[in-house]
Amino acid sequence: MAAAPRFRKDAVATPQGSGETGASDGKHPVDETLPPLRMFTSGLQHVAAMYAGVVAPPMIVGPALGLSAKDTAFLMGASLFTAGLATLLQTLGFWRIGAKLPFVNGVSFAGVTPMIAIGKGEGDDALPIIFGAIVVAGILGFLAAPYFGKLVRFFPPVVTGTVITLIGVSLLPVAFNWSQGGNATAADYGSMKNIGMAALTLVIVLLMRKFLRGFLQQIAILLGLVAGTLIAIPLDMTSFDALRNADLVGFPTPFHFGAPQFQVAAIISMCIVMLVCMTESTADILALGRIVGRPADERTIEGGLRADALGSALSPVFNGFMCSAFAQNIGLVAMTKVRSRFVVAAGGGILILLGLCPVAASVIALVPLPVLGGAGIVLFGSVAASGIQTLAGAAMEKGENALIVAASVGVGLIPIAAPQFYHAFPEDLLVVLDSGISTGCVVAILLNLAFNHLGGRKGAAAAPAPEPVGVLH
């Protein structure tokens, strides 16, 4: 197992006014703690960035399985609660579990379509069957994590840069959909009012990043979301219904929908989803490691994947779905330059409280999707920019690296540019093919092996990874 890279104090300079003490006490910025207020507000910003992504899968799966509005709301609270638990596993960790990076976990979108397919026609047994399959897939993923950890040597800059770029580009359509209103069937979807609000939020965030300094500059996204929401209230773009109807306290009762059931077909389907999640999480861990200036080694990846899998296996106990990395929060780390894992752990604690307090969760839900979309454009674009920055050090002039990037990005963009491209393929394959991150990652790895490792061409491989830059500039 490769040794963990030594942190160079001069390689990752602490941004001025960031609130981090840099190397003054010998700690890496990832392991530093911030003052309580900054810890809370920075953690809250992570929650605001991921909230819609956490509650969206249960909002889709619940109605598709015929659940009532009350049961769907219960699933949403459970998803917040389990996302918080999984995030604490990643950031704090124990034994050899957890990447111990500012890594946010939540419900994976990769499982939405397979879960709906599994639950159709099963009636009251739908969720128990889904939960049983997730438990088994999580356990198998936990056992497979050490083998995935050994793949780190197959992720040189030409591969990681490509995948990081695809992560950002793949997330941008989510921000565009939010900017239009989020619901394609709504009468005002794509209206000038929605897009205008998204554009205004984007401008507010950019102005705050330009003119604010120190801590206020770091929480520009959060301030932009607050400002956009306040502007949206008199424009009747914010609904208070969820807040009025929410209970003050609500605990996700274990096995609320019944004890898990185990069906072979469902288990196989969710195991495929687990492999997809592990592939994407590996890329995300590598991306985040570069951004924070602590490049991920085999042990880091292994710990991160174990936390993913353990979080997924425990999630169904509290009525949650499969958990994986949230790439949008990588963009937030890159943009704010706050690299402390304890900040994200604070965000995990906030998620747990939101899951236990429906009223508090409803306050976050007040943020209109167009407002969230405007901020999301900056967040997700930051991820893509980080990938481009990594590719700048990938020796594109040597060997066939430019060809690797071209083919991988091209294949990875297929699900984004042509969503129906694979419509004639078997449904089980769509779990992988519909993820541009997964397909682009696989293509990049295979082409890197073919051009830079096989046939005695190892010397033409991508240049060594550049010195960690820590964050975007």
Protein backbone atom coordinates (compact mmCIF):
# COMPACT_ATOMS: atom_id res chain seq x y z
CA MET A 1 0.00 0.00 0.00
CA ALA A 2 1.36 3.36 -0.98
CA ALA A 3 2.43 5.70 1.76
CA ALA A 4 0.32 8.76 2.37
CA PRO A 5 1.78 11.80 0.59
CA ARG A 6 3.54 14.19 2.93
CA PHE A 7 1.90 17.56 3.15
CA ARG A 8 4.13 20.41 2.03
CA LYS A 9 3.46 23.68 3.78
CA ASP A 10 4.47 25.70 0.75
CA ALA A 11 2.39 23.63 -1.66
CA VAL A 12 -1.01 24.50 -0.23
CA ALA A 13 -1.02 28.02 1.07
CA THR A 14 -3.84 28.89 3.40
CA PRO A 15 -6.02 31.54 1.76
CA GLN A 16 -5.84 34.90 3.41
CA GLY A 17 -8.75 35.49 5.70
CA SER A 18 -9.95 31.94 5.50
CA GLY A 19 -10.05 31.50 9.21
CA GLU A 20 -7.65 28.54 9.05
CA THR A 21 -4.35 28.69 10.82
CA GLY A 22 -2.50 26.96 8.04
CA ALA A 23 0.65 25.19 9.22
CA SER A 24 1.19 27.35 12.31
CA ASP A 25 0.28 24.46 14.60
CA GLY A 26 1.57 21.75 12.31
CA LYS A 27 -1.90 20.58 11.31
CA HIS A 28 -3.01 20.09 7.75
CA PRO A 29 -5.97 22.41 6.97
CA VAL A 30 -8.12 19.28 6.57
CA ASP A 31 -7.60 18.44 10.26
CA GLU A 32 -8.11 21.94 11.66
CA THR A 33 -11.12 23.14 13.60
CA LEU A 34 -12.70 26.56 13.17
CA PRO A 35 -14.45 28.78 15.74
CA PRO A 36 -17.96 27.47 16.58
CA LEU A 37 -19.89 30.12 14.62
CA ARG A 38 -17.79 29.64 11.50
CA MET A 39 -18.02 25.89 11.92
CA PHE A 40 -21.81 26.06 12.05
CA THR A 41 -22.36 28.52 9.19
CA SER A 42 -19.85 26.79 6.91
CA GLY A 43 -21.46 23.43 7.70
CA LEU A 44 -24.90 24.92 7.05
CA GLN A 45 -23.66 26.08 3.65
CA HIS A 46 -22.79 22.48 2.77
CA VAL A 47 -26.27 21.40 3.86
CA ALA A 48 -27.88 24.11 1.73
CA ALA A 49 -25.85 22.99 -1.29
CA MET A 50 -26.86 19.33 -0.98
CA TYR A 51 -30.36 19.55 0.51
CA ALA A 52 -32.27 19.32 -2.76
CA GLY A 53 -30.12 16.40 -3.90
CA VAL A 54 -30.84 14.49 -0.68
CA VAL A 55 -34.62 14.89 -0.70
CA ALA A 56 -35.10 14.55 -4.48
CA PRO A 57 -34.75 10.72 -4.69
CA PRO A 58 -37.42 10.02 -2.02
CA MET A 59 -39.61 12.69 -3.61
CA ILE A 60 -39.38 10.71 -6.86
CA VAL A 61 -39.46 7.15 -5.52
CA GLY A 62 -42.28 7.70 -2.99
CA PRO A 63 -45.03 8.74 -5.43
CA ALA A 64 -43.76 6.23 -8.03
CA LEU A 65 -44.39 3.43 -5.51
CA GLY A 66 -47.80 4.80 -4.56
CA LEU A 67 -46.85 6.18 -1.16
CA SER A 68 -48.96 8.86 0.48
CA ALA A 69 -47.68 12.39 0.91
CA LYS A 70 -47.13 11.69 4.60
CA ASP A 71 -45.05 8.56 3.92
CA THR A 72 -43.06 10.38 1.24
CA ALA A 73 -42.30 13.17 3.72
CA PHE A 74 -41.22 10.48 6.20
CA LEU A 75 -38.79 9.11 3.58
CA MET A 76 -37.38 12.61 3.06
CA GLY A 77 -36.70 13.02 6.77
CA ALA A 78 -35.13 9.58 6.92
CA SER A 79 -32.89 10.45 3.97
CA LEU A 80 -31.64 13.57 5.74
CA PHE A 81 -30.99 11.59 8.93
CA THR A 82 -29.07 8.79 7.18
CA ALA A 83 -27.13 11.29 5.05
CA GLY A 84 -25.92 12.87 8.28
CA LEU A 85 -24.84 9.52 9.69
CA ALA A 86 -22.98 8.61 6.50
CA THR A 87 -21.28 12.03 6.42
CA LEU A 88 -20.03 11.57 9.99
CA LEU A 89 -18.66 8.15 9.02
CA GLN A 90 -16.72 9.78 6.17
CA THR A 91 -15.39 12.85 7.95
CA LEU A 92 -14.69 11.55 11.46
CA GLY A 93 -14.44 7.83 10.80
CA PHE A 94 -13.07 5.09 13.02
CA TRP A 95 -10.72 2.16 12.55
CA ARG A 96 -10.17 2.02 8.76
CA ILE A 97 -13.58 3.42 7.91
CA GLY A 98 -13.89 6.92 6.45
CA ALA A 99 -11.79 8.97 4.04
CA LYS A 100 -11.39 11.62 6.81
CA LEU A 101 -11.71 14.35 4.21
CA PRO A 102 -14.39 17.10 3.93
CA PHE A 103 -16.56 14.57 2.15
CA VAL A 104 -20.38 14.77 2.13
CA ASN A 105 -22.54 11.68 1.68
CA GLY A 106 -26.18 11.44 0.76
CA VAL A 107 -28.77 9.48 -1.20
CA SER A 108 -27.45 8.37 -4.58
CA PHE A 109 -29.43 9.25 -7.71
CA ALA A 110 -28.02 6.11 -9.36
CA GLY A 111 -30.48 3.96 -7.45
CA VAL A 112 -33.68 5.86 -8.30
CA THR A 113 -34.60 4.08 -11.54
CA PRO A 114 -33.66 0.55 -10.32
CA MET A 115 -35.60 1.06 -7.06
CA ILE A 116 -38.72 2.12 -8.93
CA ALA A 117 -38.33 -0.90 -11.22
CA ILE A 118 -37.91 -3.23 -8.22
CA GLY A 119 -40.90 -1.82 -6.35
CA LYS A 120 -43.43 -1.78 -9.18
CA GLY A 121 -46.26 -4.21 -8.57
CA GLU A 122 -44.98 -5.23 -5.13
CA GLY A 123 -47.51 -3.20 -3.15
CA ASP A 124 -46.71 -2.92 0.53
CA ASP A 125 -43.66 -5.15 0.07
CA ALA A 126 -41.95 -2.69 -2.31
CA LEU A 127 -39.86 -0.81 0.24
CA PRO A 128 -38.95 -3.88 2.34
CA ILE A 129 -37.65 -5.59 -0.82
CA ILE A 130 -35.70 -2.46 -1.82
CA PHE A 131 -34.26 -2.06 1.67
CA GLY A 132 -33.24 -5.72 1.84
CA ALA A 133 -31.38 -5.43 -1.46
CA ILE A 134 -29.59 -2.28 -0.28
CA VAL A 135 -28.46 -3.97 2.94
CA VAL A 136 -26.90 -6.87 1.01
CA ALA A 137 -25.32 -4.55 -1.56
CA GLY A 138 -23.86 -2.42 1.23
CA ILE A 139 -22.30 -5.42 2.96
CA LEU A 140 -20.79 -6.70 -0.30
CA GLY A 141 -19.50 -3.21 -1.08
CA PHE A 142 -17.84 -3.05 2.35
CA LEU A 143 -16.04 -6.34 1.65
CA ALA A 144 -14.97 -5.19 -1.83
CA ALA A 145 -13.63 -1.79 -0.68
CA PRO A 146 -9.98 -2.92 -0.19
CA TYR A 147 -9.81 -4.11 -3.80
CA PHE A 148 -11.18 -0.82 -5.10
CA GLY A 149 -8.57 0.97 -2.98
CA LYS A 150 -5.80 -0.67 -4.98
CA LEU A 151 -7.06 1.02 -8.17
CA VAL A 152 -5.48 4.34 -7.19
CA ARG A 153 -2.42 3.72 -9.36
CA PHE A 154 -4.69 3.56 -12.38
CA PHE A 155 -5.86 7.14 -11.79
CA PRO A 156 -3.02 9.42 -13.01
CA PRO A 157 -3.82 13.10 -13.74
CA VAL A 158 -5.03 12.31 -17.26
CA VAL A 159 -7.71 10.06 -15.76
CA THR A 160 -8.57 12.04 -12.63
CA GLY A 161 -8.68 15.33 -14.53
CA THR A 162 -11.05 13.84 -17.09
CA VAL A 163 -13.34 12.38 -14.44
CA ILE A 164 -13.37 15.54 -12.31
CA THR A 165 -14.29 17.57 -15.39
CA LEU A 166 -17.10 15.13 -16.17
CA ILE A 167 -18.38 15.32 -12.60
CA GLY A 168 -18.79 19.08 -12.91
CA VAL A 169 -20.27 18.96 -16.41
CA SER A 170 -22.67 16.15 -15.44
CA LEU A 171 -23.97 18.16 -12.49
CA LEU A 172 -24.60 21.37 -14.44
CA PRO A 173 -27.85 20.07 -16.02
CA VAL A 174 -29.17 19.63 -12.47
CA ALA A 175 -28.52 23.32 -11.81
CA PHE A 176 -30.13 24.24 -15.15
CA ASN A 177 -33.24 22.22 -14.27
CA TRP A 178 -33.46 23.88 -10.86
CA SER A 179 -33.06 27.27 -12.54
CA GLN A 180 -36.10 26.55 -14.70
CA GLY A 181 -38.21 25.53 -11.71
CA GLY A 182 -37.37 21.85 -11.21
CA ASN A 183 -40.71 20.46 -12.42
CA ALA A 184 -40.94 20.09 -16.20
CA THR A 185 -44.72 19.65 -16.02
CA ALA A 186 -45.32 22.93 -14.18
CA ALA A 187 -46.88 25.79 -16.10
CA ASP A 188 -44.08 28.18 -15.17
CA TYR A 189 -41.23 25.76 -15.96
CA GLY A 190 -38.53 27.68 -17.83
CA SER A 191 -40.36 31.00 -17.40
CA MET A 192 -38.48 34.27 -17.50
CA LYS A 193 -39.41 34.72 -13.84
CA ASN A 194 -37.69 31.49 -12.78
CA ILE A 195 -34.63 31.93 -14.96
CA GLY A 196 -34.41 35.59 -13.98
CA MET A 197 -34.37 34.65 -10.30
CA ALA A 198 -31.63 32.10 -10.97
CA ALA A 199 -29.61 34.70 -12.87
CA LEU A 200 -30.09 37.24 -10.07
CA THR A 201 -28.88 34.73 -7.47
CA LEU A 202 -25.87 33.94 -9.64
CA VAL A 203 -25.02 37.64 -9.90
CA ILE A 204 -25.44 38.12 -6.13
CA VAL A 205 -23.08 35.23 -5.39
CA LEU A 206 -20.49 36.53 -7.85
CA LEU A 207 -20.68 40.07 -6.45
CA MET A 208 -20.30 38.78 -2.90
CA ARG A 209 -17.29 36.71 -3.90
CA LYS A 210 -15.81 39.79 -5.57
CA PHE A 211 -16.36 42.43 -2.90
CA LEU A 212 -16.63 40.61 0.42
CA ARG A 213 -13.55 39.59 2.35
CA GLY A 214 -12.57 36.96 4.89
CA PHE A 215 -15.29 34.85 6.44
CA LEU A 216 -18.15 36.60 4.65
CA GLN A 217 -16.52 35.79 1.32
CA GLN A 218 -16.33 32.12 2.30
CA ILE A 219 -20.08 31.91 2.98
CA ALA A 220 -21.04 33.84 -0.18
CA ILE A 221 -23.07 30.87 -1.40
CA LEU A 222 -25.09 30.73 1.81
CA LEU A 223 -25.61 34.50 1.81
CA GLY A 224 -26.64 34.35 -1.83
CA LEU A 225 -29.21 31.65 -1.06
CA VAL A 226 -30.62 33.73 1.82
CA ALA A 227 -30.75 36.90 -0.30
CA GLY A 228 -32.36 35.08 -3.23
CA THR A 229 -34.98 33.51 -0.96
CA LEU A 230 -35.86 36.85 0.64
CA ILE A 231 -36.29 38.41 -2.81
CA ALA A 232 -38.42 35.46 -3.93
CA ILE A 233 -40.92 35.78 -1.03
CA PRO A 234 -42.75 38.92 -2.30
CA LEU A 235 -42.65 37.44 -5.81
CA ASP A 236 -44.70 34.46 -4.53
CA MET A 237 -41.97 31.99 -5.42
CA THR A 238 -41.59 30.55 -1.92
CA SER A 239 -44.10 28.11 -0.43
CA PHE A 240 -44.61 27.96 3.34
CA ASP A 241 -46.97 24.95 3.20
CA ALA A 242 -44.29 22.46 4.22
CA LEU A 243 -43.36 24.62 7.20
CA ARG A 244 -46.96 25.00 8.39
CA ASN A 245 -47.71 21.28 8.14
CA ALA A 246 -44.45 19.98 9.62
CA ASP A 247 -44.18 18.34 13.04
CA LEU A 248 -41.74 19.70 15.56
CA VAL A 249 -40.13 16.34 16.30
CA GLY A 250 -40.05 13.17 14.26
CA PHE A 251 -37.71 10.19 14.55
CA PRO A 252 -37.23 7.81 11.58
CA THR A 253 -38.57 4.70 13.33
CA PRO A 254 -36.41 1.67 12.44
CA PHE A 255 -38.03 -0.52 9.76
CA HIS A 256 -41.06 1.75 9.65
CA PHE A 257 -42.27 0.10 6.44
CA GLY A 258 -41.60 -3.46 7.59
CA ALA A 259 -38.67 -5.83 8.01
CA PRO A 260 -36.35 -6.10 4.98
CA GLN A 261 -37.04 -8.83 2.45
CA PHE A 262 -34.45 -10.43 0.21
CA GLN A 263 -35.07 -11.18 -3.46
CA VAL A 264 -32.23 -12.28 -5.73
CA ALA A 265 -33.15 -10.09 -8.72
CA ALA A 266 -33.47 -7.00 -6.53
CA ILE A 267 -30.17 -7.76 -4.82
CA ILE A 268 -28.33 -8.13 -8.14
CA SER A 269 -29.77 -4.84 -9.37
CA MET A 270 -28.71 -2.92 -6.25
CA CYS A 271 -25.26 -4.56 -6.27
CA ILE A 272 -24.78 -3.06 -9.74
CA VAL A 273 -25.81 0.30 -8.34
CA MET A 274 -23.30 -0.15 -5.52
CA LEU A 275 -20.50 -0.75 -8.04
CA VAL A 276 -21.51 2.41 -9.90
CA CYS A 277 -21.51 4.37 -6.63
CA MET A 278 -18.10 3.00 -5.67
CA THR A 279 -16.66 3.97 -9.06
CA GLU A 280 -18.01 7.50 -8.76
CA SER A 281 -16.93 7.80 -5.13
CA THR A 282 -13.38 6.73 -6.03
CA ALA A 283 -13.24 9.53 -8.57
CA ASP A 284 -14.75 11.97 -6.07
CA ILE A 285 -12.26 11.06 -3.36
CA LEU A 286 -9.38 11.57 -5.77
CA ALA A 287 -10.85 14.90 -6.87
CA LEU A 288 -11.35 16.13 -3.33
CA GLY A 289 -7.88 14.95 -2.30
CA ARG A 290 -6.32 17.15 -4.96
CA ILE A 291 -8.49 20.14 -4.13
CA VAL A 292 -7.65 20.08 -0.41
CA GLY A 293 -3.96 19.33 -0.97
CA ARG A 294 -4.00 15.83 0.50
CA PRO A 295 -3.88 13.47 -2.49
CA ALA A 296 -5.78 10.27 -1.75
CA ASP A 297 -3.80 7.05 -1.46
CA GLU A 298 -5.06 3.46 -1.41
CA ARG A 299 -5.90 3.57 2.28
CA THR A 300 -7.88 6.79 1.93
CA ILE A 301 -9.93 5.38 -0.93
CA GLU A 302 -10.45 2.12 0.92
CA GLY A 303 -11.67 3.96 4.02
CA GLY A 304 -13.94 6.23 1.98
CA LEU A 305 -15.54 3.32 0.16
CA ARG A 306 -16.00 1.41 3.40
CA ALA A 307 -17.84 4.42 4.83
CA ASP A 308 -20.01 4.59 1.70
CA ALA A 309 -20.86 0.91 1.93
CA LEU A 310 -21.42 0.87 5.71
CA GLY A 311 -23.60 3.96 5.47
CA SER A 312 -25.62 2.25 2.73
CA ALA A 313 -25.99 -0.97 4.72
CA LEU A 314 -27.19 0.93 7.83
CA SER A 315 -29.40 3.38 5.94
CA PRO A 316 -32.36 0.99 5.37
CA VAL A 317 -32.58 0.39 9.13
CA PHE A 318 -33.76 4.00 9.39
CA ASN A 319 -35.73 3.83 6.11
CA GLY A 320 -33.06 5.49 3.98
CA PHE A 321 -31.62 4.59 0.59
CA MET A 322 -28.13 3.89 -0.73
CA CYS A 323 -25.55 6.56 0.15
CA SER A 324 -22.65 7.87 -1.91
CA ALA A 325 -20.51 10.97 -2.34
CA PHE A 326 -22.11 14.30 -3.23
CA ALA A 327 -19.94 15.86 -5.90
CA GLN A 328 -21.61 19.29 -5.67
CA ASN A 329 -20.05 19.80 -2.24
CA ILE A 330 -16.61 19.26 -3.74
CA GLY A 331 -17.28 22.43 -5.72
CA LEU A 332 -18.19 24.22 -2.51
CA VAL A 333 -14.90 23.18 -0.89
CA ALA A 334 -13.02 24.38 -3.96
CA MET A 335 -14.83 27.69 -4.01
CA THR A 336 -14.82 28.59 -0.31
CA LYS A 337 -11.28 27.28 0.35
CA VAL A 338 -12.49 25.90 3.69
CA ARG A 339 -10.93 22.44 3.81
CA SER A 340 -11.61 21.37 7.38
CA ARG A 341 -13.32 17.98 7.58
CA PHE A 342 -14.82 19.06 10.89
CA VAL A 343 -16.81 21.74 9.06
CA VAL A 344 -18.42 19.03 6.94
CA ALA A 345 -18.88 16.91 10.08
CA ALA A 346 -20.83 19.86 11.50
CA GLY A 347 -22.92 19.73 8.34
CA GLY A 348 -23.51 16.04 9.02
CA GLY A 349 -24.72 16.91 12.51
CA ILE A 350 -27.09 19.51 11.05
CA LEU A 351 -28.46 16.89 8.65
CA ILE A 352 -29.18 14.56 11.56
CA LEU A 353 -31.02 17.34 13.40
CA LEU A 354 -33.00 18.15 10.26
CA GLY A 355 -33.97 14.49 10.01
CA LEU A 356 -35.16 14.57 13.64
CA CYS A 357 -36.92 17.94 13.33
CA PRO A 358 -39.22 18.22 10.29
CA VAL A 359 -39.86 21.89 11.07
CA ALA A 360 -36.16 22.72 10.76
CA ALA A 361 -35.92 20.70 7.56
CA SER A 362 -38.84 22.67 6.16
CA VAL A 363 -36.99 25.95 6.77
CA ILE A 364 -34.21 24.80 4.44
CA ALA A 365 -36.89 23.73 1.98
CA LEU A 366 -38.04 27.36 1.74
CA VAL A 367 -35.20 28.05 -0.71
CA PRO A 368 -36.85 28.11 -4.17
CA LEU A 369 -35.27 25.82 -6.75
CA PRO A 370 -34.44 28.71 -9.15
CA VAL A 371 -32.43 30.32 -6.34
CA LEU A 372 -30.67 27.03 -5.69
CA GLY A 373 -30.05 26.65 -9.42
CA GLY A 374 -28.35 30.01 -9.72
CA ALA A 375 -25.94 29.14 -6.91
CA GLY A 376 -25.53 25.61 -8.32
CA ILE A 377 -24.13 26.93 -11.59
CA VAL A 378 -21.18 28.38 -9.70
CA LEU A 379 -20.76 25.32 -7.48
CA PHE A 380 -20.84 22.72 -10.22
CA GLY A 381 -18.81 24.87 -12.59
CA SER A 382 -16.10 25.01 -9.93
CA VAL A 383 -15.82 21.21 -10.05
CA ALA A 384 -15.35 21.25 -13.83
CA ALA A 385 -12.77 24.03 -13.51
CA SER A 386 -10.86 21.93 -10.99
CA GLY A 387 -10.76 19.07 -13.49
CA ILE A 388 -9.40 21.35 -16.19
CA GLN A 389 -6.77 22.55 -13.74
CA THR A 390 -5.73 18.94 -13.11
CA LEU A 391 -5.54 18.22 -16.84
CA ALA A 392 -3.15 21.16 -17.20
CA GLY A 393 -0.56 19.01 -15.41
CA ALA A 394 -1.34 15.79 -17.28
CA ALA A 395 1.36 16.08 -19.97
CA MET A 396 -1.16 16.39 -22.77
CA GLU A 397 1.67 16.74 -25.30
CA LYS A 398 3.04 13.28 -24.50
CA GLY A 399 1.85 9.89 -25.70
CA GLU A 400 -1.83 9.60 -26.41
CA ASN A 401 -3.10 11.56 -23.42
CA ALA A 402 -5.02 14.07 -25.53
CA LEU A 403 -6.77 11.17 -27.27
CA ILE A 404 -7.64 9.59 -23.91
CA VAL A 405 -9.25 12.82 -22.74
CA ALA A 406 -11.09 13.37 -26.03
CA ALA A 407 -12.62 9.89 -26.15
CA SER A 408 -13.45 9.74 -22.44
CA VAL A 409 -15.11 13.15 -22.33
CA GLY A 410 -16.99 12.35 -25.54
CA VAL A 411 -18.39 9.09 -24.15
CA GLY A 412 -19.09 10.67 -20.77
CA LEU A 413 -21.15 13.45 -22.36
CA ILE A 414 -23.48 11.04 -24.20
CA PRO A 415 -26.04 10.69 -21.37
CA ILE A 416 -26.06 14.49 -20.99
CA ALA A 417 -26.22 15.50 -24.65
CA ALA A 418 -28.41 12.58 -25.82
CA PRO A 419 -30.36 11.16 -22.84
CA GLN A 420 -32.17 8.59 -25.03
CA PHE A 421 -28.98 7.35 -26.73
CA TYR A 422 -29.06 3.96 -24.93
CA HIS A 423 -32.85 3.52 -24.93
CA ALA A 424 -32.66 0.15 -26.74
CA PHE A 425 -30.18 -1.37 -24.27
CA PRO A 426 -31.20 -3.75 -21.46
CA GLU A 427 -32.54 -1.91 -18.44
CA ASP A 428 -29.88 -3.35 -16.11
CA LEU A 429 -27.11 -1.84 -18.26
CA LEU A 430 -28.74 1.58 -18.10
CA VAL A 431 -27.72 1.83 -14.44
CA VAL A 432 -24.14 2.24 -15.69
CA LEU A 433 -24.64 3.72 -19.16
CA ASP A 434 -26.89 6.54 -17.97
CA SER A 435 -24.11 7.80 -15.71
CA GLY A 436 -21.67 9.86 -17.76
CA ILE A 437 -19.28 9.92 -14.80
CA SER A 438 -19.14 6.13 -14.64
CA THR A 439 -18.82 5.53 -18.39
CA GLY A 440 -16.26 8.30 -18.82
CA CYS A 441 -14.27 6.98 -15.87
CA VAL A 442 -14.24 3.42 -17.23
CA VAL A 443 -13.20 4.58 -20.71
CA ALA A 444 -10.44 6.80 -19.30
CA ILE A 445 -9.03 3.93 -17.19
CA LEU A 446 -9.13 1.43 -20.06
CA LEU A 447 -7.55 3.82 -22.57
CA ASN A 448 -4.86 4.82 -20.08
CA LEU A 449 -4.06 1.14 -19.58
CA ALA A 450 -4.02 0.49 -23.32
CA PHE A 451 -1.90 3.47 -24.34
CA ASN A 452 0.30 4.06 -21.31
CA HIS A 453 0.76 0.71 -19.57
CA LEU A 454 0.38 -2.18 -21.98
CA GLY A 455 2.85 -3.10 -24.71
CA GLY A 456 5.89 -1.65 -23.01
CA ARG A 457 4.64 1.93 -23.23
CA LYS A 458 4.57 2.62 -19.52
CA GLY A 459 7.17 5.30 -19.97
CA ALA A 460 4.72 7.30 -22.02
CA ALA A 461 2.24 7.46 -19.21
CA ALA A 462 0.88 10.68 -17.93
CA ALA A 463 3.26 12.92 -16.08
CA PRO A 464 3.38 12.66 -12.33
CA ALA A 465 0.64 14.45 -10.53
CA PRO A 466 1.42 18.15 -10.12
CA GLU A 467 2.04 19.59 -6.70
CA PRO A 468 -1.27 19.89 -4.87
CA VAL A 469 -2.86 23.24 -5.52
CA GLY A 470 -5.43 22.75 -2.82
CA VAL A 471 -8.16 24.97 -4.23
CA LEU A 472 -9.14 26.85 -7.32
CA HIS A 473 -7.96 30.37 -7.85
